[in-house]
Amino acid sequence: MSSFRYTWPYERMMKDIYIQQCPYCGKENILTNLKEEDLQNAKEGFRTYLIMPCCHSKMTILKADEDYFWTTEQLR
């Protein structure tokens, strides 16, 4: 099982996916560009890429559950 240090929390509001704080630049309340289909793919275990709209850093999501993205890099 992957370490919790490789996770980052997200929230869904309607069909929008938010991140409370960017792990790269620290900006708060980020509306991501992930679509519902992208999130579903991540939940099924498909590698998904998220370009942060605030600083253009790339997060590689290995999988997702209802609360967290599991990534390839240590974010905590």
N, C-alpha and C. Protein backbone atom coordinates (compact mmCIF):
# COMPACT_ATOMS: atom_id res chain seq x y z
N MET A 1 0.84 -1.18 0.00
CA MET A 1 0.00 0.00 0.00
C MET A 1 0.89 1.25 0.00
N SER A 2 0.47 2.27 -0.71
CA SER A 2 1.20 3.52 -0.80
C SER A 2 1.15 4.28 0.51
N SER A 3 2.18 5.07 0.75
CA SER A 3 2.25 5.88 1.95
C SER A 3 1.29 7.07 1.86
N PHE A 4 0.76 7.47 3.01
CA PHE A 4 -0.16 8.60 3.06
C PHE A 4 0.54 9.90 2.66
N ARG A 5 1.86 9.92 2.72
CA ARG A 5 2.61 11.12 2.31
C ARG A 5 2.49 11.39 0.82
N TYR A 6 2.04 10.41 0.07
CA TYR A 6 1.88 10.55 -1.37
C TYR A 6 0.43 10.85 -1.76
N THR A 7 -0.34 11.39 -0.83
CA THR A 7 -1.74 11.71 -1.11
C THR A 7 -1.97 13.20 -1.01
N TRP A 8 -3.06 13.64 -1.63
CA TRP A 8 -3.50 15.03 -1.49
C TRP A 8 -5.03 15.06 -1.52
N PRO A 9 -5.65 15.75 -0.54
CA PRO A 9 -7.12 15.76 -0.47
C PRO A 9 -7.75 16.64 -1.55
N TYR A 10 -8.95 16.26 -1.93
CA TYR A 10 -9.73 17.07 -2.87
C TYR A 10 -11.18 17.05 -2.41
N GLU A 11 -11.97 17.96 -2.95
CA GLU A 11 -13.40 18.03 -2.64
C GLU A 11 -14.18 18.17 -3.93
N ARG A 12 -15.37 17.59 -3.94
CA ARG A 12 -16.28 17.73 -5.08
C ARG A 12 -17.46 18.58 -4.65
N MET A 13 -17.78 19.55 -5.48
CA MET A 13 -18.97 20.36 -5.29
C MET A 13 -19.70 20.35 -6.62
N MET A 14 -20.84 19.67 -6.61
CA MET A 14 -21.57 19.43 -7.86
C MET A 14 -20.64 18.66 -8.81
N LYS A 15 -20.34 19.23 -9.97
CA LYS A 15 -19.43 18.55 -10.90
C LYS A 15 -18.04 19.16 -10.89
N ASP A 16 -17.79 20.11 -10.00
CA ASP A 16 -16.48 20.75 -9.91
C ASP A 16 -15.61 20.04 -8.87
N ILE A 17 -14.32 20.04 -9.13
CA ILE A 17 -13.36 19.39 -8.23
C ILE A 17 -12.39 20.47 -7.74
N TYR A 18 -12.34 20.63 -6.42
CA TYR A 18 -11.52 21.65 -5.79
C TYR A 18 -10.41 21.01 -4.96
N ILE A 19 -9.32 21.76 -4.83
CA ILE A 19 -8.25 21.41 -3.92
C ILE A 19 -8.15 22.56 -2.93
N GLN A 20 -8.16 22.23 -1.65
CA GLN A 20 -8.14 23.26 -0.60
C GLN A 20 -6.90 24.15 -0.69
N GLN A 21 -5.73 23.52 -0.93
CA GLN A 21 -4.49 24.28 -1.04
C GLN A 21 -3.56 23.57 -2.01
N CYS A 22 -2.94 24.34 -2.88
CA CYS A 22 -2.01 23.78 -3.86
C CYS A 22 -0.76 23.27 -3.13
N PRO A 23 -0.35 22.02 -3.38
CA PRO A 23 0.84 21.49 -2.71
C PRO A 23 2.14 22.09 -3.25
N TYR A 24 2.08 22.79 -4.35
CA TYR A 24 3.28 23.34 -4.98
C TYR A 24 3.51 24.82 -4.65
N CYS A 25 2.45 25.64 -4.76
CA CYS A 25 2.64 27.08 -4.54
C CYS A 25 1.92 27.60 -3.29
N GLY A 26 1.01 26.80 -2.71
CA GLY A 26 0.34 27.18 -1.49
C GLY A 26 -0.94 27.98 -1.66
N LYS A 27 -1.30 28.30 -2.88
CA LYS A 27 -2.54 29.06 -3.11
C LYS A 27 -3.73 28.24 -2.61
N GLU A 28 -4.76 28.91 -2.11
CA GLU A 28 -5.90 28.23 -1.51
C GLU A 28 -7.12 28.24 -2.43
N ASN A 29 -8.01 27.27 -2.19
CA ASN A 29 -9.30 27.14 -2.89
C ASN A 29 -9.13 27.12 -4.40
N ILE A 30 -8.51 26.07 -4.90
CA ILE A 30 -8.20 25.93 -6.32
C ILE A 30 -9.30 25.13 -7.01
N LEU A 31 -9.91 25.72 -8.03
CA LEU A 31 -10.84 25.00 -8.89
C LEU A 31 -10.00 24.32 -9.96
N THR A 32 -9.99 23.00 -9.97
CA THR A 32 -9.16 22.27 -10.94
C THR A 32 -9.88 22.16 -12.27
N ASN A 33 -9.14 21.72 -13.27
CA ASN A 33 -9.72 21.52 -14.59
C ASN A 33 -10.09 20.05 -14.82
N LEU A 34 -10.07 19.23 -13.78
CA LEU A 34 -10.44 17.83 -13.93
C LEU A 34 -11.92 17.71 -14.25
N LYS A 35 -12.21 16.86 -15.19
CA LYS A 35 -13.60 16.57 -15.54
C LYS A 35 -14.06 15.33 -14.79
N GLU A 36 -15.34 15.14 -14.74
CA GLU A 36 -15.92 13.98 -14.07
C GLU A 36 -15.34 12.67 -14.64
N GLU A 37 -15.17 12.64 -15.93
CA GLU A 37 -14.61 11.45 -16.60
C GLU A 37 -13.17 11.19 -16.15
N ASP A 38 -12.37 12.26 -15.99
CA ASP A 38 -10.98 12.11 -15.53
C ASP A 38 -10.95 11.54 -14.11
N LEU A 39 -11.82 12.05 -13.24
CA LEU A 39 -11.88 11.56 -11.87
C LEU A 39 -12.28 10.10 -11.84
N GLN A 40 -13.25 9.73 -12.65
CA GLN A 40 -13.68 8.33 -12.70
C GLN A 40 -12.55 7.43 -13.18
N ASN A 41 -11.79 7.88 -14.17
CA ASN A 41 -10.64 7.11 -14.65
C ASN A 41 -9.62 6.92 -13.53
N ALA A 42 -9.37 7.98 -12.76
CA ALA A 42 -8.42 7.87 -11.64
C ALA A 42 -8.94 6.90 -10.59
N LYS A 43 -10.22 6.90 -10.33
CA LYS A 43 -10.80 5.97 -9.36
C LYS A 43 -10.68 4.53 -9.84
N GLU A 44 -10.65 4.33 -11.15
CA GLU A 44 -10.49 2.99 -11.71
C GLU A 44 -9.02 2.58 -11.83
N GLY A 45 -8.10 3.47 -11.41
CA GLY A 45 -6.69 3.13 -11.39
C GLY A 45 -5.90 3.55 -12.61
N PHE A 46 -6.50 4.37 -13.47
CA PHE A 46 -5.78 4.86 -14.64
C PHE A 46 -4.98 6.11 -14.26
N ARG A 47 -3.76 6.18 -14.71
CA ARG A 47 -2.91 7.35 -14.45
C ARG A 47 -3.57 8.58 -15.07
N THR A 48 -3.69 9.63 -14.28
CA THR A 48 -4.35 10.86 -14.70
C THR A 48 -3.44 12.03 -14.36
N TYR A 49 -3.39 13.01 -15.23
CA TYR A 49 -2.54 14.18 -15.00
C TYR A 49 -3.40 15.39 -14.68
N LEU A 50 -2.95 16.15 -13.69
CA LEU A 50 -3.64 17.37 -13.30
C LEU A 50 -2.64 18.51 -13.36
N ILE A 51 -2.88 19.47 -14.25
CA ILE A 51 -2.07 20.68 -14.32
C ILE A 51 -2.74 21.71 -13.41
N MET A 52 -2.01 22.13 -12.39
CA MET A 52 -2.57 23.08 -11.43
C MET A 52 -2.75 24.43 -12.12
N PRO A 53 -3.95 24.99 -12.08
CA PRO A 53 -4.20 26.26 -12.78
C PRO A 53 -3.48 27.45 -12.14
N CYS A 54 -3.07 27.34 -10.90
CA CYS A 54 -2.44 28.45 -10.20
C CYS A 54 -0.96 28.61 -10.55
N CYS A 55 -0.22 27.50 -10.67
CA CYS A 55 1.22 27.58 -10.88
C CYS A 55 1.71 26.70 -12.03
N HIS A 56 0.79 25.99 -12.68
CA HIS A 56 1.08 25.14 -13.84
C HIS A 56 1.98 23.94 -13.51
N SER A 57 2.07 23.57 -12.25
CA SER A 57 2.78 22.34 -11.87
C SER A 57 1.93 21.15 -12.24
N LYS A 58 2.59 20.03 -12.54
CA LYS A 58 1.87 18.83 -12.97
C LYS A 58 1.85 17.79 -11.85
N MET A 59 0.65 17.38 -11.47
CA MET A 59 0.45 16.32 -10.49
C MET A 59 0.07 15.06 -11.26
N THR A 60 0.78 13.97 -11.00
CA THR A 60 0.46 12.69 -11.62
C THR A 60 -0.33 11.87 -10.61
N ILE A 61 -1.58 11.60 -10.92
CA ILE A 61 -2.47 10.87 -10.03
C ILE A 61 -2.48 9.40 -10.45
N LEU A 62 -2.07 8.53 -9.54
CA LEU A 62 -2.07 7.10 -9.82
C LEU A 62 -3.43 6.49 -9.61
N LYS A 63 -4.12 6.96 -8.57
CA LYS A 63 -5.47 6.50 -8.27
C LYS A 63 -6.15 7.54 -7.39
N ALA A 64 -7.44 7.40 -7.25
CA ALA A 64 -8.20 8.32 -6.41
C ALA A 64 -9.26 7.52 -5.65
N ASP A 65 -9.60 8.03 -4.49
CA ASP A 65 -10.75 7.50 -3.76
C ASP A 65 -11.72 8.66 -3.57
N GLU A 66 -12.63 8.56 -2.64
CA GLU A 66 -13.63 9.61 -2.47
C GLU A 66 -13.07 10.89 -1.84
N ASP A 67 -11.87 10.82 -1.26
CA ASP A 67 -11.32 11.98 -0.55
C ASP A 67 -9.93 12.39 -0.99
N TYR A 68 -9.15 11.47 -1.55
CA TYR A 68 -7.74 11.74 -1.81
C TYR A 68 -7.31 11.32 -3.21
N PHE A 69 -6.34 12.08 -3.73
CA PHE A 69 -5.57 11.66 -4.90
C PHE A 69 -4.32 10.97 -4.38
N TRP A 70 -3.97 9.83 -4.94
CA TRP A 70 -2.74 9.11 -4.62
C TRP A 70 -1.78 9.40 -5.76
N THR A 71 -0.64 10.02 -5.46
CA THR A 71 0.24 10.54 -6.49
C THR A 71 1.57 9.81 -6.56
N THR A 72 2.37 10.19 -7.55
CA THR A 72 3.70 9.60 -7.73
C THR A 72 4.77 10.30 -6.92
N GLU A 73 4.45 11.43 -6.32
CA GLU A 73 5.45 12.18 -5.57
C GLU A 73 4.97 12.48 -4.15
N GLN A 74 5.93 12.62 -3.28
CA GLN A 74 5.62 12.91 -1.87
C GLN A 74 5.19 14.37 -1.78
N LEU A 75 3.97 14.61 -1.33
CA LEU A 75 3.41 15.96 -1.25
C LEU A 75 3.29 16.49 0.16
N ARG A 76 3.51 15.63 1.15
CA ARG A 76 3.39 16.05 2.56
C ARG A 76 4.72 15.97 3.25
